[in-house]
C-alpha atoms as a PDB file:
ATOM      1  CA  MET A   1      27.357  -3.436   5.341  1.00  0.00           C
ATOM      2  CA  PRO A   2      23.932  -4.005   5.608  1.00  0.00           C
ATOM      3  CA  PRO A   3      22.326  -6.965   7.704  1.00  0.00           C
ATOM      4  CA  ARG A   4      22.513 -10.255   5.983  1.00  0.00           C
ATOM      5  CA  LEU A   5      18.852 -11.431   4.883  1.00  0.00           C
ATOM      6  CA  PRO A   6      17.777 -13.808   7.490  1.00  0.00           C
ATOM      7  CA  MET A   7      16.611 -17.568   6.639  1.00  0.00           C
ATOM      8  CA  TRP A   8      13.019 -16.676   7.571  1.00  0.00           C
ATOM      9  CA  MET A   9      12.993 -14.035   4.707  1.00  0.00           C
ATOM     10  CA  ARG A  10      14.206 -16.464   2.058  1.00  0.00           C
ATOM     11  CA  ARG A  11      11.736 -18.242   0.137  1.00  0.00           C
ATOM     12  CA  SER A  12      11.752 -20.637  -3.109  1.00  0.00           C
ATOM     13  CA  LEU A  13      10.065 -18.785  -5.959  1.00  0.00           C
ATOM     14  CA  PRO A  14       6.897 -20.044  -7.458  1.00  0.00           C
ATOM     15  CA  PRO A  15       6.365 -21.114 -11.204  1.00  0.00           C
ATOM     16  CA  ALA A  16       6.936 -18.429 -13.340  1.00  0.00           C
ATOM     17  CA  ALA A  17       4.311 -19.225 -16.036  1.00  0.00           C
ATOM     18  CA  GLU A  18       1.610 -16.931 -14.319  1.00  0.00           C
ATOM     19  CA  GLY A  19       4.040 -14.258 -13.553  1.00  0.00           C
ATOM     20  CA  ARG A  20       4.807 -14.094 -17.551  1.00  0.00           C
ATOM     21  CA  ARG A  21       0.937 -13.872 -18.391  1.00  0.00           C
ATOM     22  CA  ILE A  22       0.470 -11.004 -16.012  1.00  0.00           C
ATOM     23  CA  ARG A  23       3.316  -9.155 -17.475  1.00  0.00           C
ATOM     24  CA  ARG A  24       2.280  -9.584 -20.588  1.00  0.00           C
ATOM     25  CA  LEU A  25      -1.134  -8.320 -20.123  1.00  0.00           C
ATOM     26  CA  LEU A  26       0.303  -5.488 -18.204  1.00  0.00           C
ATOM     27  CA  GLY A  27       2.732  -4.592 -21.146  1.00  0.00           C
ATOM     28  CA  ARG A  28       0.107  -4.965 -23.751  1.00  0.00           C
ATOM     29  CA  LEU A  29      -2.450  -2.504 -21.821  1.00  0.00           C
ATOM     30  CA  GLU A  30       0.210  -0.212 -20.652  1.00  0.00           C
ATOM     31  CA  LEU A  31      -0.078  -0.586 -17.239  1.00  0.00           C
ATOM     32  CA  HIS A  32       2.136  -0.287 -13.952  1.00  0.00           C
ATOM     33  CA  THR A  33       1.926  -2.385 -10.568  1.00  0.00           C
ATOM     34  CA  VAL A  34       3.638  -1.318  -7.558  1.00  0.00           C
ATOM     35  CA  CYS A  35       4.824  -4.965  -7.242  1.00  0.00           C
ATOM     36  CA  GLU A  36       7.503  -4.293  -9.967  1.00  0.00           C
ATOM     37  CA  GLU A  37       7.998  -0.600  -9.637  1.00  0.00           C
ATOM     38  CA  ALA A  38       8.419  -0.900  -5.714  1.00  0.00           C
ATOM     39  CA  ARG A  39      10.245  -4.283  -6.475  1.00  0.00           C
ATOM     40  CA  CYS A  40       8.091  -5.987  -3.771  1.00  0.00           C
ATOM     41  CA  PRO A  41       9.518  -9.291  -2.645  1.00  0.00           C
ATOM     42  CA  ASN A  42       6.131 -11.064  -2.875  1.00  0.00           C
ATOM     43  CA  ARG A  43       5.537 -10.120  -6.475  1.00  0.00           C
ATOM     44  CA  ALA A  44       6.439 -13.621  -7.547  1.00  0.00           C
ATOM     45  CA  ALA A  45       4.240 -15.245  -5.216  1.00  0.00           C
ATOM     46  CA  CYS A  46       1.363 -12.984  -5.869  1.00  0.00           C
ATOM     47  CA  TRP A  47       1.392 -13.055  -9.610  1.00  0.00           C
ATOM     48  CA  HIS A  48       1.329 -16.963  -9.418  1.00  0.00           C
ATOM     49  CA  GLU A  49      -1.826 -16.633  -7.512  1.00  0.00           C
ATOM     50  CA  GLY A  50      -3.333 -14.122 -10.235  1.00  0.00           C
ATOM     51  CA  ALA A  51      -3.305 -11.047  -8.215  1.00  0.00           C
ATOM     52  CA  ALA A  52      -1.641  -7.440  -8.897  1.00  0.00           C
ATOM     53  CA  ALA A  53      -1.834  -4.326  -7.243  1.00  0.00           C
ATOM     54  CA  PHE A  54      -2.195  -1.593  -9.903  1.00  0.00           C
ATOM     55  CA  LEU A  55      -0.147   1.540  -9.837  1.00  0.00           C
ATOM     56  CA  ILE A  56      -1.794   4.645 -11.594  1.00  0.00           C
ATOM     57  CA  LEU A  57      -0.707   8.192 -12.482  1.00  0.00           C
ATOM     58  CA  GLY A  58       2.490   6.940 -13.999  1.00  0.00           C
ATOM     59  CA  ASP A  59       5.522   5.122 -12.937  1.00  0.00           C
ATOM     60  CA  ALA A  60       7.589   8.126 -11.364  1.00  0.00           C
ATOM     61  CA  CYS A  61       6.979   9.927  -8.063  1.00  0.00           C
ATOM     62  CA  THR A  62       7.231  13.506  -7.460  1.00  0.00           C
ATOM     63  CA  ARG A  63       8.488  12.837  -3.868  1.00  0.00           C
ATOM     64  CA  ASP A  64      11.645  10.900  -2.919  1.00  0.00           C
ATOM     65  CA  CYS A  65      11.098   9.013  -0.118  1.00  0.00           C
ATOM     66  CA  ARG A  66      14.116   7.335   1.454  1.00  0.00           C
ATOM     67  CA  PHE A  67      12.362   3.759   1.684  1.00  0.00           C
ATOM     68  CA  CYS A  68      10.886   3.598  -1.539  1.00  0.00           C
ATOM     69  CA  ALA A  69      12.199   2.050  -5.076  1.00  0.00           C
ATOM     70  CA  ILE A  70       9.963   4.269  -7.157  1.00  0.00           C
ATOM     71  CA  PRO A  71      11.931   6.790  -9.348  1.00  0.00           C
ATOM     72  CA  HIS A  72      11.663  10.505  -8.486  1.00  0.00           C
ATOM     73  CA  ASP A  73      10.593  12.837 -10.911  1.00  0.00           C
ATOM     74  CA  PRO A  74       9.365  16.472 -10.316  1.00  0.00           C
ATOM     75  CA  HIS A  75       7.558  16.770 -13.799  1.00  0.00           C
ATOM     76  CA  PRO A  76       6.081  13.421 -14.486  1.00  0.00           C
ATOM     77  CA  ALA A  77       3.438  12.992 -17.518  1.00  0.00           C
ATOM     78  CA  LEU A  78       0.070  14.314 -16.973  1.00  0.00           C
ATOM     79  CA  PRO A  79      -2.666  11.594 -16.355  1.00  0.00           C
ATOM     80  CA  ASP A  80      -3.665   9.403 -18.894  1.00  0.00           C
ATOM     81  CA  PRO A  81      -7.517   9.735 -19.463  1.00  0.00           C
ATOM     82  CA  ASP A  82      -7.689   6.017 -20.985  1.00  0.00           C
ATOM     83  CA  GLU A  83      -5.833   4.534 -18.063  1.00  0.00           C
ATOM     84  CA  PRO A  84      -9.061   3.670 -16.018  1.00  0.00           C
ATOM     85  CA  ALA A  85     -10.633   1.673 -18.842  1.00  0.00           C
ATOM     86  CA  ARG A  86      -7.551  -0.391 -19.458  1.00  0.00           C
ATOM     87  CA  LEU A  87      -7.134  -1.221 -15.679  1.00  0.00           C
ATOM     88  CA  ALA A  88     -10.762  -2.384 -15.720  1.00  0.00           C
ATOM     89  CA  GLU A  89      -9.871  -4.597 -18.563  1.00  0.00           C
ATOM     90  CA  ALA A  90      -7.091  -5.871 -16.859  1.00  0.00           C
ATOM     91  CA  ALA A  91      -8.839  -6.402 -13.782  1.00  0.00           C
ATOM     92  CA  ALA A  92     -11.766  -8.332 -15.617  1.00  0.00           C
ATOM     93  CA  VAL A  93      -8.952 -10.262 -17.835  1.00  0.00           C
ATOM     94  CA  LEU A  94      -7.484 -11.467 -14.384  1.00  0.00           C
ATOM     95  CA  GLY A  95     -10.859 -12.125 -12.747  1.00  0.00           C
ATOM     96  CA  LEU A  96     -10.019 -10.487  -9.880  1.00  0.00           C
ATOM     97  CA  ARG A  97     -12.572 -10.494  -7.153  1.00  0.00           C
ATOM     98  CA  HIS A  98     -10.864  -7.398  -4.763  1.00  0.00           C
ATOM     99  CA  VAL A  99      -8.894  -5.028  -7.010  1.00  0.00           C
ATOM    100  CA  VAL A 100      -6.124  -2.959  -5.202  1.00  0.00           C
ATOM    101  CA  VAL A 101      -5.693   0.371  -6.704  1.00  0.00           C
ATOM    102  CA  THR A 102      -2.359   2.717  -5.679  1.00  0.00           C
ATOM    103  CA  SER A 103      -0.562   5.390  -6.953  1.00  0.00           C
ATOM    104  CA  VAL A 104       2.717   7.588  -7.205  1.00  0.00           C
ATOM    105  CA  THR A 105       2.100  10.824  -5.120  1.00  0.00           C
ATOM    106  CA  ARG A 106       1.475  13.753  -7.522  1.00  0.00           C
ATOM    107  CA  ASP A 107       2.114  17.216  -5.925  1.00  0.00           C
ATOM    108  CA  ASP A 108       2.769  18.395  -9.144  1.00  0.00           C
ATOM    109  CA  LEU A 109      -1.344  18.145  -9.657  1.00  0.00           C
ATOM    110  CA  PRO A 110      -3.854  20.550  -8.056  1.00  0.00           C
ATOM    111  CA  ASP A 111      -6.096  17.622  -6.598  1.00  0.00           C
ATOM    112  CA  GLY A 112      -2.859  15.272  -6.166  1.00  0.00           C
ATOM    113  CA  GLY A 113      -4.644  13.044  -8.649  1.00  0.00           C
ATOM    114  CA  ALA A 114      -7.787  12.368  -6.711  1.00  0.00           C
ATOM    115  CA  ALA A 115      -9.953  12.766  -9.953  1.00  0.00           C
ATOM    116  CA  GLN A 116      -7.827   9.714 -11.462  1.00  0.00           C
ATOM    117  CA  PHE A 117      -8.752   7.587  -8.536  1.00  0.00           C
ATOM    118  CA  VAL A 118     -12.332   8.531  -8.944  1.00  0.00           C
ATOM    119  CA  ALA A 119     -12.015   7.339 -12.494  1.00  0.00           C
ATOM    120  CA  VAL A 120     -10.626   4.326 -11.498  1.00  0.00           C
ATOM    121  CA  ILE A 121     -13.260   3.382  -9.281  1.00  0.00           C
ATOM    122  CA  ARG A 122     -16.029   3.959 -11.653  1.00  0.00           C
ATOM    123  CA  ALA A 123     -14.424   2.070 -14.560  1.00  0.00           C
ATOM    124  CA  ILE A 124     -13.935  -0.944 -12.138  1.00  0.00           C
ATOM    125  CA  ARG A 125     -17.274  -1.085 -10.697  1.00  0.00           C
ATOM    126  CA  ALA A 126     -18.693  -0.676 -14.194  1.00  0.00           C
ATOM    127  CA  ARG A 127     -16.619  -3.359 -15.572  1.00  0.00           C
ATOM    128  CA  LEU A 128     -16.920  -5.799 -12.514  1.00  0.00           C
ATOM    129  CA  PRO A 129     -19.786  -4.579 -10.570  1.00  0.00           C
ATOM    130  CA  GLY A 130     -19.388  -7.531  -8.016  1.00  0.00           C
ATOM    131  CA  ALA A 131     -15.415  -6.730  -7.189  1.00  0.00           C
ATOM    132  CA  ALA A 132     -14.202  -4.765  -4.205  1.00  0.00           C
ATOM    133  CA  VAL A 133     -12.251  -2.197  -4.678  1.00  0.00           C
ATOM    134  CA  GLU A 134      -9.580  -1.122  -2.106  1.00  0.00           C
ATOM    135  CA  VAL A 135      -7.571   1.912  -2.776  1.00  0.00           C
ATOM    136  CA  LEU A 136      -4.041   2.871  -1.268  1.00  0.00           C
ATOM    137  CA  VAL A 137      -4.035   6.469  -1.736  1.00  0.00           C
ATOM    138  CA  PRO A 138      -1.139   9.179  -0.967  1.00  0.00           C
ATOM    139  CA  ASP A 139      -2.012  12.078   1.396  1.00  0.00           C
ATOM    140  CA  PHE A 140      -3.162  14.544  -1.597  1.00  0.00           C
ATOM    141  CA  GLY A 141      -1.215  17.328   0.321  1.00  0.00           C
ATOM    142  CA  GLY A 142      -3.549  17.310   3.040  1.00  0.00           C
ATOM    143  CA  ASN A 143      -6.435  18.535   0.357  1.00  0.00           C
ATOM    144  CA  PRO A 144      -9.561  17.943   1.970  1.00  0.00           C
ATOM    145  CA  ALA A 145     -11.553  18.134  -1.302  1.00  0.00           C
ATOM    146  CA  ALA A 146      -9.671  15.970  -2.989  1.00  0.00           C
ATOM    147  CA  LEU A 147      -9.589  13.426  -0.122  1.00  0.00           C
ATOM    148  CA  ASP A 148     -13.429  13.808  -0.185  1.00  0.00           C
ATOM    149  CA  ALA A 149     -13.607  13.267  -3.719  1.00  0.00           C
ATOM    150  CA  VAL A 150     -12.492  10.061  -3.812  1.00  0.00           C
ATOM    151  CA  LEU A 151     -14.238   8.924  -0.297  1.00  0.00           C
ATOM    152  CA  ALA A 152     -17.753  10.024  -2.149  1.00  0.00           C
ATOM    153  CA  GLU A 153     -16.945   6.863  -4.241  1.00  0.00           C
ATOM    154  CA  ARG A 154     -17.172   5.083  -1.544  1.00  0.00           C
ATOM    155  CA  PRO A 155     -14.297   2.384  -1.825  1.00  0.00           C
ATOM    156  CA  ASN A 156     -14.870  -0.996   0.206  1.00  0.00           C
ATOM    157  CA  ILE A 157     -11.102  -0.410   1.607  1.00  0.00           C
ATOM    158  CA  PHE A 158      -9.489   2.976   2.020  1.00  0.00           C
ATOM    159  CA  ASN A 159      -5.829   2.754   2.561  1.00  0.00           C
ATOM    160  CA  HIS A 160      -3.405   5.274   3.443  1.00  0.00           C
ATOM    161  CA  ASN A 161       0.021   4.125   4.910  1.00  0.00           C
ATOM    162  CA  LEU A 162       1.507   5.654   7.937  1.00  0.00           C
ATOM    163  CA  GLU A 163       4.727   3.693   7.238  1.00  0.00           C
ATOM    164  CA  THR A 164       6.789   4.395  10.231  1.00  0.00           C
ATOM    165  CA  VAL A 165       6.693   6.156  13.938  1.00  0.00           C
ATOM    166  CA  GLU A 166       6.732   9.900  14.163  1.00  0.00           C
ATOM    167  CA  ARG A 167      10.498  10.315  14.825  1.00  0.00           C
ATOM    168  CA  LEU A 168      11.489   8.751  11.724  1.00  0.00           C
ATOM    169  CA  HIS A 169       9.188  10.532   9.413  1.00  0.00           C
ATOM    170  CA  PRO A 170      11.594  13.348   8.718  1.00  0.00           C
ATOM    171  CA  THR A 171      14.406  11.016   7.660  1.00  0.00           C
ATOM    172  CA  VAL A 172      12.307   8.353   5.909  1.00  0.00           C
ATOM    173  CA  ARG A 173       9.144  10.680   4.812  1.00  0.00           C
ATOM    174  CA  PRO A 174      10.682  13.935   4.418  1.00  0.00           C
ATOM    175  CA  GLN A 175       7.960  15.300   2.246  1.00  0.00           C
ATOM    176  CA  ALA A 176       5.157  13.738   4.204  1.00  0.00           C
ATOM    177  CA  ASP A 177       4.034  14.460   7.612  1.00  0.00           C
ATOM    178  CA  TYR A 178       3.162  11.845  10.448  1.00  0.00           C
ATOM    179  CA  ARG A 179      -0.042  14.051  11.899  1.00  0.00           C
ATOM    180  CA  ARG A 180      -1.241  14.850   8.312  1.00  0.00           C
ATOM    181  CA  SER A 181      -1.552  10.858   7.766  1.00  0.00           C
ATOM    182  CA  LEU A 182      -3.273  10.588  10.987  1.00  0.00           C
ATOM    183  CA  ALA A 183      -5.598  13.218   9.809  1.00  0.00           C
ATOM    184  CA  VAL A 184      -6.171  11.472   6.149  1.00  0.00           C
ATOM    185  CA  LEU A 185      -7.208   8.341   7.834  1.00  0.00           C
ATOM    186  CA  ARG A 186      -9.766  10.022  10.396  1.00  0.00           C
ATOM    187  CA  ARG A 187     -11.464  11.979   7.787  1.00  0.00           C
ATOM    188  CA  ALA A 188     -12.036   8.689   5.943  1.00  0.00           C
ATOM    189  CA  ALA A 189     -13.234   6.801   8.923  1.00  0.00           C
ATOM    190  CA  ASP A 190     -15.618   9.567  10.134  1.00  0.00           C
ATOM    191  CA  THR A 191     -17.488   8.752   6.787  1.00  0.00           C
ATOM    192  CA  GLY A 192     -17.908   5.332   7.734  1.00  0.00           C
ATOM    193  CA  VAL A 193     -15.422   3.806   5.009  1.00  0.00           C
ATOM    194  CA  ARG A 194     -13.452   1.079   6.156  1.00  0.00           C
ATOM    195  CA  THR A 195      -9.662   2.220   6.712  1.00  0.00           C
ATOM    196  CA  LYS A 196      -6.502   0.421   6.428  1.00  0.00           C
ATOM    197  CA  SER A 197      -3.133   1.294   7.408  1.00  0.00           C
ATOM    198  CA  GLY A 198       0.567   0.065   7.514  1.00  0.00           C
ATOM    199  CA  LEU A 199       3.731   0.079   9.293  1.00  0.00           C
ATOM    200  CA  MET A 200       7.106  -0.932   8.279  1.00  0.00           C
ATOM    201  CA  LEU A 201       9.381  -2.528  11.105  1.00  0.00           C
ATOM    202  CA  GLY A 202      13.223  -2.384  11.169  1.00  0.00           C
ATOM    203  CA  LEU A 203      13.687   0.813  10.339  1.00  0.00           C
ATOM    204  CA  GLY A 204      15.241   2.148  13.879  1.00  0.00           C
ATOM    205  CA  GLU A 205      11.923   2.485  15.607  1.00  0.00           C
ATOM    206  CA  THR A 206      11.634   1.707  19.625  1.00  0.00           C
ATOM    207  CA  ASP A 207       8.995  -0.616  21.055  1.00  0.00           C
ATOM    208  CA  GLY A 208       7.684   2.566  22.844  1.00  0.00           C
ATOM    209  CA  GLU A 209       7.586   4.454  19.588  1.00  0.00           C
ATOM    210  CA  LEU A 210       5.842   1.523  17.994  1.00  0.00           C
ATOM    211  CA  ARG A 211       3.382   1.140  20.594  1.00  0.00           C
ATOM    212  CA  GLY A 212       2.565   4.603  20.261  1.00  0.00           C
ATOM    213  CA  ALA A 213       1.985   4.440  16.556  1.00  0.00           C
ATOM    214  CA  LEU A 214      -0.366   1.821  16.824  1.00  0.00           C
ATOM    215  CA  ALA A 215      -2.271   3.756  19.451  1.00  0.00           C
ATOM    216  CA  ASP A 216      -2.297   6.883  17.063  1.00  0.00           C
ATOM    217  CA  LEU A 217      -3.603   4.508  14.074  1.00  0.00           C
ATOM    218  CA  GLY A 218      -6.439   3.269  16.527  1.00  0.00           C
ATOM    219  CA  ARG A 219      -7.221   6.715  17.776  1.00  0.00           C
ATOM    220  CA  ALA A 220      -7.476   7.517  14.184  1.00  0.00           C
ATOM    221  CA  GLY A 221     -10.410   4.742  13.456  1.00  0.00           C
ATOM    222  CA  VAL A 222      -8.091   2.765  11.362  1.00  0.00           C
ATOM    223  CA  ALA A 223      -9.938  -0.643  11.220  1.00  0.00           C
ATOM    224  CA  LEU A 224      -7.348  -2.838   8.965  1.00  0.00           C
ATOM    225  CA  LEU A 225      -3.816  -2.840   9.978  1.00  0.00           C
ATOM    226  CA  THR A 226      -0.695  -4.563   8.071  1.00  0.00           C
ATOM    227  CA  LEU A 227       2.992  -4.760   9.841  1.00  0.00           C
ATOM    228  CA  GLY A 228       5.740  -5.963   7.737  1.00  0.00           C
ATOM    229  CA  GLN A 229       9.622  -6.035   7.563  1.00  0.00           C
ATOM    230  CA  TYR A 230      11.430  -3.058   6.090  1.00  0.00           C
ATOM    231  CA  LEU A 231      13.658  -4.097   3.286  1.00  0.00           C
ATOM    232  CA  ALA A 232      16.080  -1.307   1.698  1.00  0.00           C
ATOM    233  CA  PRO A 233      15.373  -1.270  -2.144  1.00  0.00           C
ATOM    234  CA  SER A 234      19.227  -0.200  -2.488  1.00  0.00           C
ATOM    235  CA  ALA A 235      22.569   0.775  -0.595  1.00  0.00           C
ATOM    236  CA  LYS A 236      21.130   4.680  -1.293  1.00  0.00           C
ATOM    237  CA  HIS A 237      18.130   3.965   0.743  1.00  0.00           C
ATOM    238  CA  HIS A 238      17.396   4.225   4.279  1.00  0.00           C
ATOM    239  CA  PRO A 239      19.340   1.188   5.639  1.00  0.00           C
ATOM    240  CA  VAL A 240      17.632  -1.790   7.580  1.00  0.00           C
ATOM    241  CA  ALA A 241      18.591  -1.424  11.316  1.00  0.00           C
ATOM    242  CA  ARG A 242      17.401  -4.894  12.039  1.00  0.00           C
ATOM    243  CA  HIS A 243      15.477  -8.017  10.990  1.00  0.00           C
ATOM    244  CA  VAL A 244      12.393  -8.384  13.360  1.00  0.00           C
ATOM    245  CA  PRO A 245      11.869 -12.217  13.919  1.00  0.00           C
ATOM    246  CA  PRO A 246       8.554 -13.590  13.390  1.00  0.00           C
ATOM    247  CA  ALA A 247       8.019 -14.432  17.092  1.00  0.00           C
ATOM    248  CA  GLU A 248       8.214 -10.327  17.552  1.00  0.00           C
ATOM    249  CA  PHE A 249       5.747  -9.969  14.461  1.00  0.00           C
ATOM    250  CA  ASP A 250       3.408 -12.338  16.325  1.00  0.00           C
ATOM    251  CA  ALA A 251       3.487 -10.330  19.390  1.00  0.00           C
ATOM    252  CA  TRP A 252       2.936  -7.131  17.606  1.00  0.00           C
ATOM    253  CA  GLY A 253       0.134  -8.623  15.951  1.00  0.00           C
ATOM    254  CA  LYS A 254      -1.178  -9.496  19.090  1.00  0.00           C
ATOM    255  CA  ALA A 255      -0.809  -6.173  20.524  1.00  0.00           C
ATOM    256  CA  ALA A 256      -2.682  -4.773  17.610  1.00  0.00           C
ATOM    257  CA  ARG A 257      -5.529  -6.642  18.364  1.00  0.00           C
ATOM    258  CA  ALA A 258      -5.443  -6.227  21.987  1.00  0.00           C
ATOM    259  CA  LEU A 259      -5.976  -2.410  20.855  1.00  0.00           C
ATOM    260  CA  GLY A 260      -9.265  -3.071  18.890  1.00  0.00           C
ATOM    261  CA  PHE A 261      -7.798  -3.381  15.212  1.00  0.00           C
ATOM    262  CA  ALA A 262     -10.685  -5.385  13.226  1.00  0.00           C
ATOM    263  CA  ALA A 263      -8.027  -7.572  11.239  1.00  0.00           C
ATOM    264  CA  VAL A 264      -4.472  -7.767  11.438  1.00  0.00           C
ATOM    265  CA  ALA A 265      -1.634  -9.133   9.293  1.00  0.00           C
ATOM    266  CA  SER A 266       1.850  -9.120  10.955  1.00  0.00           C
ATOM    267  CA  GLY A 267       5.054 -10.902   9.725  1.00  0.00           C
ATOM    268  CA  PRO A 268       8.334 -10.483   7.939  1.00  0.00           C
ATOM    269  CA  GLU A 269       6.461 -10.864   4.589  1.00  0.00           C
ATOM    270  CA  VAL A 270       3.422  -8.751   4.836  1.00  0.00           C
ATOM    271  CA  ARG A 271       2.820  -5.919   2.563  1.00  0.00           C
ATOM    272  CA  SER A 272       0.351  -3.399   1.956  1.00  0.00           C
ATOM    273  CA  SER A 273      -1.406  -5.197  -0.444  1.00  0.00           C
ATOM    274  CA  TYR A 274      -0.220  -8.677   0.203  1.00  0.00           C
ATOM    275  CA  HIS A 275      -3.298 -11.221   0.569  1.00  0.00           C
ATOM    276  CA  ALA A 276      -5.616  -7.731   0.504  1.00  0.00           C
ATOM    277  CA  GLY A 277      -8.785  -9.656  -0.024  1.00  0.00           C
ATOM    278  CA  GLU A 278      -8.323 -12.034   2.679  1.00  0.00           C
ATOM    279  CA  LEU A 279      -7.320  -9.269   5.299  1.00  0.00           C
ATOM    280  CA  ALA A 280     -10.429  -7.207   4.384  1.00  0.00           C
ATOM    281  CA  ALA A 281     -12.624 -10.363   4.826  1.00  0.00           C
ATOM    282  CA  GLY A 282     -10.694 -11.582   8.169  1.00  0.00           C
ATOM    283  CA  GLY A 283      -9.909 -14.743   6.493  1.00  0.00           C
ATOM    284  CA  LYS A 284      -7.597 -17.695   7.390  1.00  0.00           C
ATOM    285  CA  GLY A 285      -4.243 -16.519   8.858  1.00  0.00           C
ATOM    286  CA  PHE A 286      -5.702 -12.938   9.902  1.00  0.00           C
ATOM    287  CA  ALA A 287      -7.758 -12.286  13.035  1.00  0.00           C
END
């Protein structure tokens, strides 16, 4: 039996009107969000605030990570050339000042989908020249040319999640690689782009392993960090080992800041894209 959801993870839902508006807009423009596809528990709150994290390159992933709710498909559809323009339109309609764009992993494409990221960044900047663009990218299979193509667009924030500690990678992210993810972040940081990464807690990591992962991210040049509670999307996914209390998240946030991260969001409800603009600005609630 999975552990019951503790009281600190239970929250009342905000009014649904804004969520319905965003869902209609996304449907009309045939767009996906990681909010829905990954079953993010914050989606109602984010939509109530008029925020959404766009998911490009389809709604099925060529990888099958044991923590993620996005469906697996080894042969998804080809990239949609009109998707960047539609996404930029949605961002404009929503009046976004900080646009978060992520994707499924596309190991079936020679560049891993990097060209679509480039097209999306350009479309957003053409439509919303004053908006910040944050990309949350896969590892592109370690392809340096693909990575460099995205970095050449100088996104305001370059995010790639490490997700968990090194020991758990073969179980939780069997088609990814801990050291490869660190190399992606290091390559990005070396160009001067502001980098971001995130870890899930409650997968079975030890305190020592988590301290080691934080140190590795610091050495990779990561500036912004998110630490959040892992929640299993279903009984078929990797089980939740424990629900980490808020006080422990506070302690880990302080430990991360002591290591030199520019800003840290640490809490049970934190997700990679949750309040992304505020974290990037170092606003209230972040340090």
